[in-house]
Amino acid sequence: MISSNSFAFKTGLVHDRRIDGQIHVFGNAGGLMLNAMTWWDHETESIWSQPWSRSIDGPYKGTELFLLPPQITTWASWKAEYPNTLAMINDYQRVGFTQKFDPDFVIGLILVDDVMDYYYRDVEAAEVVNDFVGTVSVMVTASDENFHAYIRQVGDQILTFRLEGDKLVDDETGSTWNITSGLATGWPLERRGSTKRSRLQLLRPGLGRLLPRAGFYQQ
């Protein structure tokens, strides 16, 4: 995988760096396209757009990398949920620049050919947004400089969520859900006595603003 962050657009993304089964090595190309980060791959020297996940020049032009589901959160929140996490520390102190949270941050959900943007502040005000991206039912929640997005369907059942304290609750079954993991933590969808618990599918947030087909969520 390749993990990267474009400071200009705050796109912290994770991609599968395999192309046709071959692992590739990527580096920062140094140039910008639409003020966003570009990469180059060491194997063919093709140029890639980070937020588009696509090669824009070279032998791989038009090829797209598979976007893996990332989670953008604060270190404190992550450590609270996963206390045994180890982190790689770089020399960011030498740069004299740290990225501050921007309340105008946009959560862009990309589902194949459908894209929808959500202003963080709108989602935070609503606590939970139950919506559709194309024909896919989605849920977005945001608070304390964190956000999570899931497909809100389990099996054939579409769920409608609300927030109660630090848990999500669906109206259809009354089950409680862990916001961070997407796992059902309370009956009936917890399936007590089973080794398999219901889990929402995590969406792959990206930067919809750079995609011409994107639309903005309207409250």
N, C-alpha and C. Protein backbone atom coordinates (compact mmCIF):
# COMPACT_ATOMS: atom_id res chain seq x y z
N MET A 1 0.83 -1.18 0.00
CA MET A 1 0.00 0.00 0.00
C MET A 1 0.88 1.24 0.00
N ILE A 2 0.30 2.36 -0.38
CA ILE A 2 0.97 3.65 -0.30
C ILE A 2 0.06 4.60 0.46
N SER A 3 0.59 5.22 1.51
CA SER A 3 -0.15 6.17 2.32
C SER A 3 0.41 7.56 2.04
N SER A 4 -0.47 8.53 1.79
CA SER A 4 0.00 9.87 1.42
C SER A 4 -0.99 10.92 1.89
N ASN A 5 -0.51 12.15 1.98
CA ASN A 5 -1.36 13.27 2.39
C ASN A 5 -0.99 14.50 1.58
N SER A 6 -1.99 15.06 0.91
CA SER A 6 -1.79 16.31 0.18
C SER A 6 -2.20 17.46 1.09
N PHE A 7 -1.23 18.26 1.54
CA PHE A 7 -1.52 19.32 2.51
C PHE A 7 -2.47 20.37 1.94
N ALA A 8 -2.37 20.62 0.63
CA ALA A 8 -3.21 21.67 0.04
C ALA A 8 -4.69 21.34 0.17
N PHE A 9 -5.05 20.07 -0.07
CA PHE A 9 -6.46 19.69 -0.05
C PHE A 9 -6.80 18.77 1.12
N LYS A 10 -5.80 18.48 1.97
CA LYS A 10 -6.02 17.64 3.15
C LYS A 10 -6.60 16.28 2.77
N THR A 11 -6.02 15.69 1.72
CA THR A 11 -6.48 14.38 1.28
C THR A 11 -5.52 13.32 1.80
N GLY A 12 -5.80 12.79 2.98
CA GLY A 12 -5.05 11.66 3.49
C GLY A 12 -5.63 10.40 2.89
N LEU A 13 -4.92 9.76 1.96
CA LEU A 13 -5.45 8.62 1.22
C LEU A 13 -4.51 7.43 1.31
N VAL A 14 -5.09 6.25 1.15
CA VAL A 14 -4.33 5.00 1.15
C VAL A 14 -4.71 4.22 -0.10
N HIS A 15 -3.70 3.80 -0.86
CA HIS A 15 -3.94 3.09 -2.11
C HIS A 15 -3.22 1.74 -2.12
N ASP A 16 -3.78 0.81 -2.85
CA ASP A 16 -3.10 -0.44 -3.18
C ASP A 16 -2.12 -0.13 -4.30
N ARG A 17 -0.83 -0.38 -4.09
CA ARG A 17 0.17 -0.02 -5.11
C ARG A 17 0.51 -1.17 -6.05
N ARG A 18 -0.37 -2.14 -6.12
CA ARG A 18 -0.21 -3.22 -7.10
C ARG A 18 -0.94 -2.87 -8.39
N ILE A 19 -0.29 -3.10 -9.50
CA ILE A 19 -0.89 -2.90 -10.82
C ILE A 19 -0.72 -4.21 -11.58
N ASP A 20 -1.84 -4.82 -11.92
CA ASP A 20 -1.82 -6.14 -12.58
C ASP A 20 -0.97 -7.13 -11.80
N GLY A 21 -1.07 -7.07 -10.47
CA GLY A 21 -0.36 -8.01 -9.62
C GLY A 21 1.07 -7.64 -9.29
N GLN A 22 1.62 -6.62 -9.94
CA GLN A 22 3.00 -6.20 -9.70
C GLN A 22 3.04 -5.04 -8.72
N ILE A 23 3.89 -5.16 -7.70
CA ILE A 23 4.06 -4.09 -6.71
C ILE A 23 4.91 -2.98 -7.29
N HIS A 24 4.46 -1.74 -7.14
CA HIS A 24 5.18 -0.58 -7.66
C HIS A 24 5.62 0.32 -6.51
N VAL A 25 6.69 1.06 -6.76
CA VAL A 25 7.22 2.03 -5.80
C VAL A 25 6.91 3.43 -6.30
N PHE A 26 6.34 4.25 -5.41
CA PHE A 26 5.93 5.60 -5.79
C PHE A 26 6.71 6.65 -5.01
N GLY A 27 6.90 7.79 -5.63
CA GLY A 27 7.53 8.93 -4.99
C GLY A 27 6.78 10.20 -5.32
N ASN A 28 7.08 11.25 -4.57
CA ASN A 28 6.45 12.55 -4.80
C ASN A 28 7.09 13.19 -6.03
N ALA A 29 6.26 13.50 -7.04
CA ALA A 29 6.79 14.06 -8.28
C ALA A 29 7.20 15.52 -8.12
N GLY A 30 6.73 16.18 -7.06
CA GLY A 30 7.14 17.56 -6.82
C GLY A 30 6.25 18.59 -7.48
N GLY A 31 5.58 18.24 -8.58
CA GLY A 31 4.69 19.18 -9.25
C GLY A 31 3.27 19.05 -8.73
N LEU A 32 2.43 20.01 -9.09
CA LEU A 32 1.03 20.01 -8.66
C LEU A 32 0.12 20.01 -9.88
N MET A 33 -1.00 19.33 -9.76
CA MET A 33 -2.06 19.41 -10.76
C MET A 33 -3.33 19.85 -10.03
N LEU A 34 -3.91 20.97 -10.46
CA LEU A 34 -5.04 21.57 -9.75
C LEU A 34 -4.70 21.81 -8.29
N ASN A 35 -3.43 22.18 -8.07
CA ASN A 35 -2.92 22.49 -6.73
C ASN A 35 -2.89 21.27 -5.81
N ALA A 36 -2.91 20.07 -6.39
CA ALA A 36 -2.90 18.84 -5.60
C ALA A 36 -1.67 18.00 -5.95
N MET A 37 -1.28 17.15 -5.03
CA MET A 37 -0.07 16.34 -5.13
C MET A 37 -0.06 15.42 -6.36
N THR A 38 1.14 15.27 -6.93
CA THR A 38 1.35 14.27 -7.97
C THR A 38 2.48 13.33 -7.55
N TRP A 39 2.43 12.09 -8.04
CA TRP A 39 3.46 11.09 -7.79
C TRP A 39 4.13 10.70 -9.11
N TRP A 40 5.19 9.92 -8.98
CA TRP A 40 5.74 9.19 -10.12
C TRP A 40 6.07 7.78 -9.66
N ASP A 41 5.89 6.81 -10.56
CA ASP A 41 6.26 5.45 -10.20
C ASP A 41 7.66 5.14 -10.75
N HIS A 42 8.44 4.43 -9.95
CA HIS A 42 9.84 4.17 -10.30
C HIS A 42 9.99 3.23 -11.49
N GLU A 43 8.97 2.43 -11.74
CA GLU A 43 9.09 1.42 -12.78
C GLU A 43 8.95 1.99 -14.19
N THR A 44 7.99 2.92 -14.39
CA THR A 44 7.74 3.46 -15.73
C THR A 44 7.90 4.97 -15.79
N GLU A 45 8.07 5.62 -14.62
CA GLU A 45 8.15 7.08 -14.50
C GLU A 45 6.87 7.77 -14.98
N SER A 46 5.76 7.05 -14.91
CA SER A 46 4.46 7.68 -15.19
C SER A 46 4.14 8.67 -14.07
N ILE A 47 3.35 9.69 -14.37
CA ILE A 47 2.93 10.68 -13.40
C ILE A 47 1.50 10.38 -12.97
N TRP A 48 1.25 10.51 -11.66
CA TRP A 48 -0.04 10.15 -11.10
C TRP A 48 -0.62 11.31 -10.28
N SER A 49 -1.94 11.46 -10.33
CA SER A 49 -2.64 12.42 -9.48
C SER A 49 -3.04 11.70 -8.20
N GLN A 50 -2.63 12.25 -7.04
CA GLN A 50 -2.95 11.61 -5.76
C GLN A 50 -4.45 11.57 -5.49
N PRO A 51 -5.18 12.70 -5.56
CA PRO A 51 -6.62 12.63 -5.25
C PRO A 51 -7.43 11.89 -6.31
N TRP A 52 -6.96 11.90 -7.57
CA TRP A 52 -7.68 11.18 -8.62
C TRP A 52 -7.37 9.69 -8.59
N SER A 53 -6.26 9.31 -7.94
CA SER A 53 -5.82 7.91 -7.90
C SER A 53 -5.53 7.38 -9.30
N ARG A 54 -5.13 8.26 -10.19
CA ARG A 54 -5.03 7.89 -11.60
C ARG A 54 -3.76 8.46 -12.22
N SER A 55 -3.17 7.70 -13.14
CA SER A 55 -2.02 8.20 -13.88
C SER A 55 -2.49 9.22 -14.92
N ILE A 56 -1.78 10.35 -14.99
CA ILE A 56 -2.18 11.42 -15.91
C ILE A 56 -1.19 11.61 -17.05
N ASP A 57 -0.05 10.89 -16.99
CA ASP A 57 0.93 10.98 -18.07
C ASP A 57 1.87 9.79 -18.00
N GLY A 58 2.34 9.35 -19.15
CA GLY A 58 3.28 8.24 -19.19
C GLY A 58 2.62 6.93 -19.62
N PRO A 59 3.38 5.84 -19.59
CA PRO A 59 2.87 4.54 -20.05
C PRO A 59 1.59 4.09 -19.33
N TYR A 60 1.41 4.50 -18.09
CA TYR A 60 0.24 4.09 -17.33
C TYR A 60 -0.92 5.08 -17.41
N LYS A 61 -0.84 6.06 -18.30
CA LYS A 61 -1.87 7.08 -18.37
C LYS A 61 -3.26 6.46 -18.43
N GLY A 62 -4.15 6.93 -17.54
CA GLY A 62 -5.52 6.41 -17.49
C GLY A 62 -5.72 5.27 -16.52
N THR A 63 -4.61 4.66 -16.05
CA THR A 63 -4.70 3.56 -15.10
C THR A 63 -5.03 4.10 -13.71
N GLU A 64 -5.91 3.42 -13.00
CA GLU A 64 -6.30 3.86 -11.66
C GLU A 64 -5.84 2.85 -10.61
N LEU A 65 -5.39 3.38 -9.47
CA LEU A 65 -5.06 2.55 -8.32
C LEU A 65 -6.31 2.32 -7.48
N PHE A 66 -6.37 1.18 -6.80
CA PHE A 66 -7.51 0.89 -5.94
C PHE A 66 -7.36 1.68 -4.65
N LEU A 67 -8.40 2.45 -4.31
CA LEU A 67 -8.40 3.29 -3.12
C LEU A 67 -8.88 2.49 -1.93
N LEU A 68 -8.03 2.34 -0.92
CA LEU A 68 -8.38 1.59 0.28
C LEU A 68 -9.07 2.51 1.28
N PRO A 69 -9.91 1.95 2.18
CA PRO A 69 -10.65 2.80 3.13
C PRO A 69 -9.75 3.34 4.23
N PRO A 70 -9.47 4.65 4.24
CA PRO A 70 -8.68 5.25 5.31
C PRO A 70 -9.57 5.80 6.40
N GLN A 71 -8.98 6.18 7.49
CA GLN A 71 -9.71 6.91 8.53
C GLN A 71 -8.89 8.13 8.92
N ILE A 72 -9.47 9.30 8.78
CA ILE A 72 -8.81 10.54 9.14
C ILE A 72 -9.31 10.94 10.52
N THR A 73 -8.41 10.98 11.48
CA THR A 73 -8.80 11.24 12.86
C THR A 73 -7.64 11.88 13.60
N THR A 74 -7.86 12.23 14.85
CA THR A 74 -6.77 12.76 15.67
C THR A 74 -6.02 11.61 16.32
N TRP A 75 -4.76 11.85 16.66
CA TRP A 75 -3.94 10.83 17.30
C TRP A 75 -4.54 10.43 18.65
N ALA A 76 -5.07 11.39 19.39
CA ALA A 76 -5.66 11.10 20.70
C ALA A 76 -6.85 10.16 20.56
N SER A 77 -7.71 10.41 19.57
CA SER A 77 -8.88 9.55 19.37
C SER A 77 -8.46 8.14 18.94
N TRP A 78 -7.46 8.08 18.07
CA TRP A 78 -7.00 6.76 17.60
C TRP A 78 -6.40 5.96 18.75
N LYS A 79 -5.58 6.61 19.57
CA LYS A 79 -4.94 5.91 20.69
C LYS A 79 -5.97 5.45 21.71
N ALA A 80 -7.02 6.22 21.88
CA ALA A 80 -8.06 5.81 22.82
C ALA A 80 -8.74 4.53 22.36
N GLU A 81 -8.90 4.38 21.05
CA GLU A 81 -9.56 3.20 20.50
C GLU A 81 -8.59 2.03 20.33
N TYR A 82 -7.32 2.35 19.96
CA TYR A 82 -6.31 1.31 19.71
C TYR A 82 -5.05 1.66 20.50
N PRO A 83 -5.05 1.41 21.82
CA PRO A 83 -3.95 1.88 22.68
C PRO A 83 -2.59 1.26 22.39
N ASN A 84 -2.53 0.14 21.69
CA ASN A 84 -1.25 -0.52 21.41
C ASN A 84 -0.64 -0.12 20.07
N THR A 85 -1.19 0.90 19.44
CA THR A 85 -0.71 1.35 18.14
C THR A 85 0.70 1.92 18.23
N LEU A 86 1.55 1.58 17.26
CA LEU A 86 2.87 2.18 17.10
C LEU A 86 2.82 3.12 15.90
N ALA A 87 3.49 4.25 15.99
CA ALA A 87 3.46 5.24 14.91
C ALA A 87 4.87 5.57 14.45
N MET A 88 5.01 5.81 13.14
CA MET A 88 6.27 6.26 12.58
C MET A 88 6.37 7.77 12.76
N ILE A 89 7.45 8.24 13.35
CA ILE A 89 7.66 9.66 13.57
C ILE A 89 8.69 10.18 12.57
N ASN A 90 8.35 11.25 11.86
CA ASN A 90 9.30 11.84 10.92
C ASN A 90 9.86 13.14 11.50
N ASP A 91 10.51 13.91 10.68
CA ASP A 91 11.15 15.14 11.15
C ASP A 91 10.28 16.36 10.87
N TYR A 92 8.95 16.22 11.09
CA TYR A 92 8.07 17.34 10.75
C TYR A 92 8.39 18.57 11.59
N GLN A 93 9.00 18.38 12.79
CA GLN A 93 9.33 19.54 13.62
C GLN A 93 10.33 20.46 12.91
N ARG A 94 11.22 19.86 12.11
CA ARG A 94 12.22 20.66 11.39
C ARG A 94 11.58 21.53 10.31
N VAL A 95 10.45 21.05 9.79
CA VAL A 95 9.80 21.79 8.71
C VAL A 95 9.14 23.06 9.24
N GLY A 96 8.72 23.03 10.51
CA GLY A 96 8.06 24.19 11.09
C GLY A 96 6.64 24.35 10.64
N PHE A 97 6.03 23.25 10.17
CA PHE A 97 4.65 23.32 9.68
C PHE A 97 3.87 22.12 10.18
N THR A 98 2.73 22.37 10.79
CA THR A 98 1.82 21.29 11.17
C THR A 98 0.45 21.61 10.62
N GLN A 99 -0.27 20.58 10.22
CA GLN A 99 -1.56 20.77 9.58
C GLN A 99 -2.65 20.97 10.62
N LYS A 100 -3.35 22.09 10.53
CA LYS A 100 -4.43 22.40 11.45
C LYS A 100 -5.76 21.95 10.85
N PHE A 101 -6.67 21.62 11.72
CA PHE A 101 -7.99 21.21 11.23
C PHE A 101 -8.74 22.41 10.68
N ASP A 102 -9.34 22.24 9.52
CA ASP A 102 -10.07 23.30 8.84
C ASP A 102 -11.57 22.99 8.91
N PRO A 103 -12.38 23.86 9.54
CA PRO A 103 -13.81 23.58 9.63
C PRO A 103 -14.50 23.54 8.27
N ASP A 104 -13.85 24.06 7.21
CA ASP A 104 -14.40 23.97 5.86
C ASP A 104 -14.00 22.68 5.15
N PHE A 105 -13.43 21.75 5.91
CA PHE A 105 -13.04 20.45 5.38
C PHE A 105 -14.22 19.78 4.68
N VAL A 106 -13.96 19.16 3.54
CA VAL A 106 -15.00 18.49 2.76
C VAL A 106 -14.78 16.98 2.81
N ILE A 107 -15.82 16.25 3.16
CA ILE A 107 -15.80 14.80 3.11
C ILE A 107 -16.35 14.39 1.75
N GLY A 108 -15.51 13.82 0.90
CA GLY A 108 -15.93 13.41 -0.44
C GLY A 108 -16.06 11.91 -0.52
N LEU A 109 -17.25 11.40 -0.80
CA LEU A 109 -17.47 9.96 -0.92
C LEU A 109 -17.53 9.57 -2.39
N ILE A 110 -16.71 8.59 -2.75
CA ILE A 110 -16.61 8.16 -4.14
C ILE A 110 -17.07 6.71 -4.23
N LEU A 111 -18.12 6.48 -4.99
CA LEU A 111 -18.64 5.13 -5.22
C LEU A 111 -18.72 4.88 -6.72
N VAL A 112 -17.64 4.34 -7.26
CA VAL A 112 -17.52 4.05 -8.70
C VAL A 112 -17.77 5.34 -9.49
N ASP A 113 -18.94 5.49 -10.11
CA ASP A 113 -19.21 6.66 -10.94
C ASP A 113 -19.98 7.75 -10.22
N ASP A 114 -20.29 7.55 -8.96
CA ASP A 114 -21.07 8.53 -8.21
C ASP A 114 -20.22 9.15 -7.10
N VAL A 115 -20.33 10.46 -6.95
CA VAL A 115 -19.53 11.20 -5.97
C VAL A 115 -20.45 12.18 -5.25
N MET A 116 -20.28 12.27 -3.93
CA MET A 116 -21.03 13.26 -3.16
C MET A 116 -20.10 13.90 -2.13
N ASP A 117 -20.19 15.22 -2.01
CA ASP A 117 -19.39 15.98 -1.05
C ASP A 117 -20.26 16.42 0.12
N TYR A 118 -19.66 16.41 1.30
CA TYR A 118 -20.34 16.86 2.51
C TYR A 118 -19.41 17.81 3.26
N TYR A 119 -19.88 19.01 3.53
CA TYR A 119 -19.09 19.89 4.38
C TYR A 119 -19.06 19.30 5.79
N TYR A 120 -17.86 19.23 6.36
CA TYR A 120 -17.72 18.68 7.71
C TYR A 120 -18.65 19.39 8.69
N ARG A 121 -18.71 20.70 8.59
CA ARG A 121 -19.51 21.47 9.54
C ARG A 121 -20.99 21.11 9.45
N ASP A 122 -21.49 20.78 8.25
CA ASP A 122 -22.88 20.39 8.08
C ASP A 122 -23.15 19.03 8.73
N VAL A 123 -22.22 18.10 8.53
CA VAL A 123 -22.39 16.77 9.12
C VAL A 123 -22.31 16.85 10.64
N GLU A 124 -21.36 17.66 11.14
CA GLU A 124 -21.21 17.80 12.58
C GLU A 124 -22.48 18.39 13.20
N ALA A 125 -23.08 19.36 12.52
CA ALA A 125 -24.31 19.97 13.03
C ALA A 125 -25.47 18.98 13.05
N ALA A 126 -25.51 18.11 12.05
CA ALA A 126 -26.58 17.12 11.97
C ALA A 126 -26.30 15.90 12.84
N GLU A 127 -25.07 15.72 13.27
CA GLU A 127 -24.58 14.56 14.02
C GLU A 127 -24.50 13.31 13.14
N VAL A 128 -25.58 12.96 12.47
CA VAL A 128 -25.59 11.80 11.57
C VAL A 128 -26.36 12.19 10.32
N VAL A 129 -25.80 11.89 9.15
CA VAL A 129 -26.48 12.12 7.89
C VAL A 129 -26.77 10.76 7.25
N ASN A 130 -28.04 10.44 7.04
CA ASN A 130 -28.45 9.26 6.29
C ASN A 130 -28.78 9.70 4.88
N ASP A 131 -28.08 9.15 3.91
CA ASP A 131 -28.19 9.69 2.56
C ASP A 131 -28.00 8.57 1.55
N PHE A 132 -28.07 8.92 0.27
CA PHE A 132 -27.76 8.01 -0.83
C PHE A 132 -26.70 8.64 -1.71
N VAL A 133 -25.73 7.86 -2.13
CA VAL A 133 -24.78 8.27 -3.16
C VAL A 133 -25.10 7.40 -4.37
N GLY A 134 -25.72 8.00 -5.37
CA GLY A 134 -26.28 7.20 -6.44
C GLY A 134 -27.41 6.36 -5.87
N THR A 135 -27.30 5.04 -6.01
CA THR A 135 -28.31 4.14 -5.47
C THR A 135 -27.87 3.47 -4.18
N VAL A 136 -26.70 3.86 -3.67
CA VAL A 136 -26.13 3.22 -2.48
C VAL A 136 -26.50 4.02 -1.23
N SER A 137 -27.05 3.37 -0.23
CA SER A 137 -27.41 4.03 1.03
C SER A 137 -26.16 4.21 1.88
N VAL A 138 -25.93 5.44 2.35
CA VAL A 138 -24.72 5.76 3.11
C VAL A 138 -25.08 6.49 4.39
N MET A 139 -24.15 6.47 5.32
CA MET A 139 -24.28 7.21 6.57
C MET A 139 -22.96 7.90 6.85
N VAL A 140 -23.03 9.17 7.21
CA VAL A 140 -21.83 9.95 7.54
C VAL A 140 -22.05 10.59 8.90
N THR A 141 -21.05 10.51 9.76
CA THR A 141 -21.13 11.15 11.06
C THR A 141 -19.83 11.89 11.33
N ALA A 142 -19.89 13.00 12.08
CA ALA A 142 -18.69 13.80 12.33
C ALA A 142 -18.82 14.50 13.68
N SER A 143 -17.70 14.52 14.41
CA SER A 143 -17.62 15.25 15.68
C SER A 143 -16.18 15.27 16.14
N ASP A 144 -15.80 16.29 16.90
CA ASP A 144 -14.47 16.38 17.52
C ASP A 144 -13.35 16.18 16.51
N GLU A 145 -13.49 16.78 15.32
CA GLU A 145 -12.48 16.73 14.27
C GLU A 145 -12.27 15.32 13.72
N ASN A 146 -13.26 14.45 13.87
CA ASN A 146 -13.25 13.11 13.30
C ASN A 146 -14.48 12.92 12.42
N PHE A 147 -14.38 12.01 11.47
CA PHE A 147 -15.57 11.65 10.70
C PHE A 147 -15.48 10.18 10.30
N HIS A 148 -16.64 9.59 10.08
CA HIS A 148 -16.74 8.21 9.63
C HIS A 148 -17.85 8.12 8.60
N ALA A 149 -17.66 7.26 7.61
CA ALA A 149 -18.66 7.07 6.57
C ALA A 149 -18.81 5.58 6.29
N TYR A 150 -20.06 5.13 6.22
CA TYR A 150 -20.33 3.71 6.02
C TYR A 150 -21.49 3.52 5.04
N ILE A 151 -21.50 2.37 4.39
CA ILE A 151 -22.69 1.91 3.69
C ILE A 151 -23.64 1.38 4.75
N ARG A 152 -24.84 1.91 4.81
CA ARG A 152 -25.76 1.61 5.92
C ARG A 152 -26.75 0.51 5.54
N GLN A 153 -26.22 -0.53 4.96
CA GLN A 153 -27.04 -1.68 4.59
C GLN A 153 -26.38 -2.95 5.12
N VAL A 154 -27.15 -3.77 5.81
CA VAL A 154 -26.69 -5.07 6.30
C VAL A 154 -27.57 -6.13 5.67
N GLY A 155 -26.98 -6.98 4.83
CA GLY A 155 -27.78 -7.92 4.07
C GLY A 155 -28.68 -7.17 3.11
N ASP A 156 -29.97 -7.44 3.18
CA ASP A 156 -30.94 -6.75 2.32
C ASP A 156 -31.60 -5.58 3.02
N GLN A 157 -31.20 -5.30 4.26
CA GLN A 157 -31.87 -4.29 5.07
C GLN A 157 -31.11 -2.98 5.10
N ILE A 158 -31.77 -1.90 4.70
CA ILE A 158 -31.21 -0.55 4.80
C ILE A 158 -31.55 -0.01 6.19
N LEU A 159 -30.53 0.52 6.87
CA LEU A 159 -30.70 1.00 8.24
C LEU A 159 -30.67 2.53 8.28
N THR A 160 -31.39 3.09 9.22
CA THR A 160 -31.40 4.53 9.45
C THR A 160 -30.81 4.79 10.83
N PHE A 161 -29.78 5.64 10.89
CA PHE A 161 -29.02 5.79 12.13
C PHE A 161 -29.27 7.13 12.81
N ARG A 162 -29.12 7.10 14.13
CA ARG A 162 -29.10 8.30 14.95
C ARG A 162 -27.99 8.12 15.99
N LEU A 163 -27.60 9.20 16.60
CA LEU A 163 -26.53 9.16 17.60
C LEU A 163 -27.13 9.23 18.99
N GLU A 164 -26.69 8.31 19.85
CA GLU A 164 -27.06 8.32 21.27
C GLU A 164 -25.78 8.21 22.08
N GLY A 165 -25.35 9.33 22.66
CA GLY A 165 -24.07 9.35 23.38
C GLY A 165 -22.93 9.12 22.42
N ASP A 166 -22.08 8.12 22.69
CA ASP A 166 -20.96 7.83 21.81
C ASP A 166 -21.24 6.61 20.94
N LYS A 167 -22.51 6.20 20.83
CA LYS A 167 -22.88 5.04 20.03
C LYS A 167 -23.87 5.44 18.94
N LEU A 168 -23.83 4.69 17.85
CA LEU A 168 -24.86 4.80 16.84
C LEU A 168 -25.96 3.80 17.13
N VAL A 169 -27.21 4.17 16.86
CA VAL A 169 -28.35 3.28 17.04
C VAL A 169 -29.16 3.30 15.74
N ASP A 170 -29.54 2.11 15.25
CA ASP A 170 -30.38 2.10 14.06
C ASP A 170 -31.84 2.00 14.46
N ASP A 171 -32.71 2.71 13.74
CA ASP A 171 -34.14 2.77 14.05
C ASP A 171 -34.84 1.44 13.78
N GLU A 172 -34.33 0.69 12.82
CA GLU A 172 -35.04 -0.50 12.37
C GLU A 172 -34.97 -1.65 13.39
N THR A 173 -33.83 -1.85 14.03
CA THR A 173 -33.68 -2.97 14.96
C THR A 173 -33.35 -2.54 16.38
N GLY A 174 -32.95 -1.27 16.57
CA GLY A 174 -32.55 -0.80 17.88
C GLY A 174 -31.17 -1.26 18.30
N SER A 175 -30.41 -1.85 17.36
CA SER A 175 -29.04 -2.29 17.67
C SER A 175 -28.14 -1.08 17.87
N THR A 176 -27.13 -1.23 18.70
CA THR A 176 -26.12 -0.20 18.88
C THR A 176 -24.88 -0.57 18.09
N TRP A 177 -24.14 0.46 17.65
CA TRP A 177 -23.00 0.26 16.76
C TRP A 177 -21.83 1.10 17.22
N ASN A 178 -20.62 0.54 17.12
CA ASN A 178 -19.41 1.27 17.41
C ASN A 178 -19.08 2.20 16.24
N ILE A 179 -18.94 3.49 16.51
CA ILE A 179 -18.72 4.46 15.43
C ILE A 179 -17.40 4.19 14.71
N THR A 180 -16.36 3.86 15.47
CA THR A 180 -15.03 3.72 14.86
C THR A 180 -14.90 2.44 14.05
N SER A 181 -15.38 1.33 14.56
CA SER A 181 -15.18 0.04 13.89
C SER A 181 -16.31 -0.32 12.93
N GLY A 182 -17.50 0.27 13.12
CA GLY A 182 -18.64 -0.11 12.31
C GLY A 182 -19.26 -1.42 12.72
N LEU A 183 -18.89 -1.94 13.89
CA LEU A 183 -19.41 -3.22 14.37
C LEU A 183 -20.64 -3.01 15.24
N ALA A 184 -21.63 -3.90 15.08
CA ALA A 184 -22.77 -3.90 15.97
C ALA A 184 -22.32 -4.38 17.34
N THR A 185 -22.65 -3.62 18.38
CA THR A 185 -22.22 -3.96 19.74
C THR A 185 -23.38 -4.32 20.64
N GLY A 186 -24.62 -4.20 20.14
CA GLY A 186 -25.78 -4.51 20.96
C GLY A 186 -26.83 -5.26 20.18
N TRP A 187 -27.60 -6.03 20.84
CA TRP A 187 -28.65 -6.88 20.28
C TRP A 187 -29.68 -6.04 19.52
N PRO A 188 -30.27 -6.58 18.40
CA PRO A 188 -30.16 -7.95 17.92
C PRO A 188 -29.08 -8.21 16.88
N LEU A 189 -28.56 -7.17 16.23
CA LEU A 189 -27.61 -7.41 15.14
C LEU A 189 -26.22 -7.79 15.63
N GLU A 190 -26.01 -7.77 16.95
CA GLU A 190 -24.72 -8.23 17.46
C GLU A 190 -24.56 -9.73 17.26
N ARG A 191 -25.68 -10.45 17.15
CA ARG A 191 -25.66 -11.90 16.98
C ARG A 191 -24.89 -12.56 18.11
N ARG A 192 -25.36 -12.35 19.32
CA ARG A 192 -24.69 -12.90 20.48
C ARG A 192 -24.59 -14.42 20.38
N GLY A 193 -23.45 -14.95 20.83
CA GLY A 193 -23.19 -16.37 20.75
C GLY A 193 -22.56 -16.77 19.44
N SER A 194 -22.47 -15.85 18.52
CA SER A 194 -21.85 -16.13 17.23
C SER A 194 -20.47 -15.50 17.19
N THR A 195 -19.59 -16.08 16.39
CA THR A 195 -18.25 -15.53 16.24
C THR A 195 -18.22 -14.43 15.21
N LYS A 196 -19.35 -14.20 14.53
CA LYS A 196 -19.40 -13.18 13.49
C LYS A 196 -20.43 -12.13 13.87
N ARG A 197 -19.99 -10.89 13.97
CA ARG A 197 -20.91 -9.79 14.27
C ARG A 197 -21.18 -8.99 13.01
N SER A 198 -22.35 -8.36 12.98
CA SER A 198 -22.69 -7.53 11.83
C SER A 198 -21.73 -6.34 11.75
N ARG A 199 -21.36 -5.99 10.53
CA ARG A 199 -20.44 -4.87 10.34
C ARG A 199 -20.86 -4.06 9.15
N LEU A 200 -20.83 -2.75 9.31
CA LEU A 200 -21.09 -1.86 8.19
C LEU A 200 -19.86 -1.79 7.30
N GLN A 201 -20.08 -1.59 6.01
CA GLN A 201 -18.96 -1.48 5.08
C GLN A 201 -18.43 -0.06 5.09
N LEU A 202 -17.12 0.07 5.37
CA LEU A 202 -16.48 1.39 5.42
C LEU A 202 -16.31 1.93 4.02
N LEU A 203 -16.72 3.17 3.83
CA LEU A 203 -16.56 3.82 2.53
C LEU A 203 -15.15 4.38 2.38
N ARG A 204 -14.80 4.70 1.16
CA ARG A 204 -13.48 5.23 0.86
C ARG A 204 -13.60 6.74 0.61
N PRO A 205 -13.40 7.55 1.65
CA PRO A 205 -13.50 9.00 1.45
C PRO A 205 -12.36 9.50 0.56
N GLY A 206 -12.68 10.37 -0.36
CA GLY A 206 -11.67 10.98 -1.22
C GLY A 206 -11.97 12.45 -1.38
N LEU A 207 -11.42 13.04 -2.40
CA LEU A 207 -11.62 14.48 -2.61
C LEU A 207 -12.56 14.69 -3.77
N GLY A 208 -13.84 14.73 -3.48
CA GLY A 208 -14.83 14.90 -4.53
C GLY A 208 -14.72 16.23 -5.24
N ARG A 209 -14.18 17.25 -4.57
CA ARG A 209 -14.12 18.59 -5.16
C ARG A 209 -13.31 18.62 -6.45
N LEU A 210 -12.37 17.67 -6.61
CA LEU A 210 -11.55 17.66 -7.81
C LEU A 210 -12.20 16.86 -8.94
N LEU A 211 -13.36 16.27 -8.68
CA LEU A 211 -14.03 15.47 -9.68
C LEU A 211 -15.24 16.23 -10.22
N PRO A 212 -15.32 16.42 -11.54
CA PRO A 212 -16.38 17.26 -12.10
C PRO A 212 -17.78 16.71 -11.87
N ARG A 213 -17.91 15.40 -11.60
CA ARG A 213 -19.24 14.82 -11.42
C ARG A 213 -19.74 14.92 -9.98
N ALA A 214 -18.96 15.54 -9.10
CA ALA A 214 -19.33 15.61 -7.68
C ALA A 214 -20.48 16.58 -7.46
N GLY A 215 -21.33 16.26 -6.47
CA GLY A 215 -22.38 17.18 -6.05
C GLY A 215 -22.26 17.41 -4.56
N PHE A 216 -22.87 18.49 -4.06
CA PHE A 216 -22.80 18.79 -2.64
C PHE A 216 -24.11 18.40 -1.97
N TYR A 217 -23.96 17.80 -0.79
CA TYR A 217 -25.11 17.43 0.02
C TYR A 217 -25.85 18.69 0.46
N GLN A 218 -27.17 18.64 0.34
CA GLN A 218 -28.01 19.74 0.76
C GLN A 218 -28.83 19.31 1.97
N GLN A 219 -28.76 20.09 3.04
CA GLN A 219 -29.50 19.75 4.25
C GLN A 219 -31.00 19.89 4.04
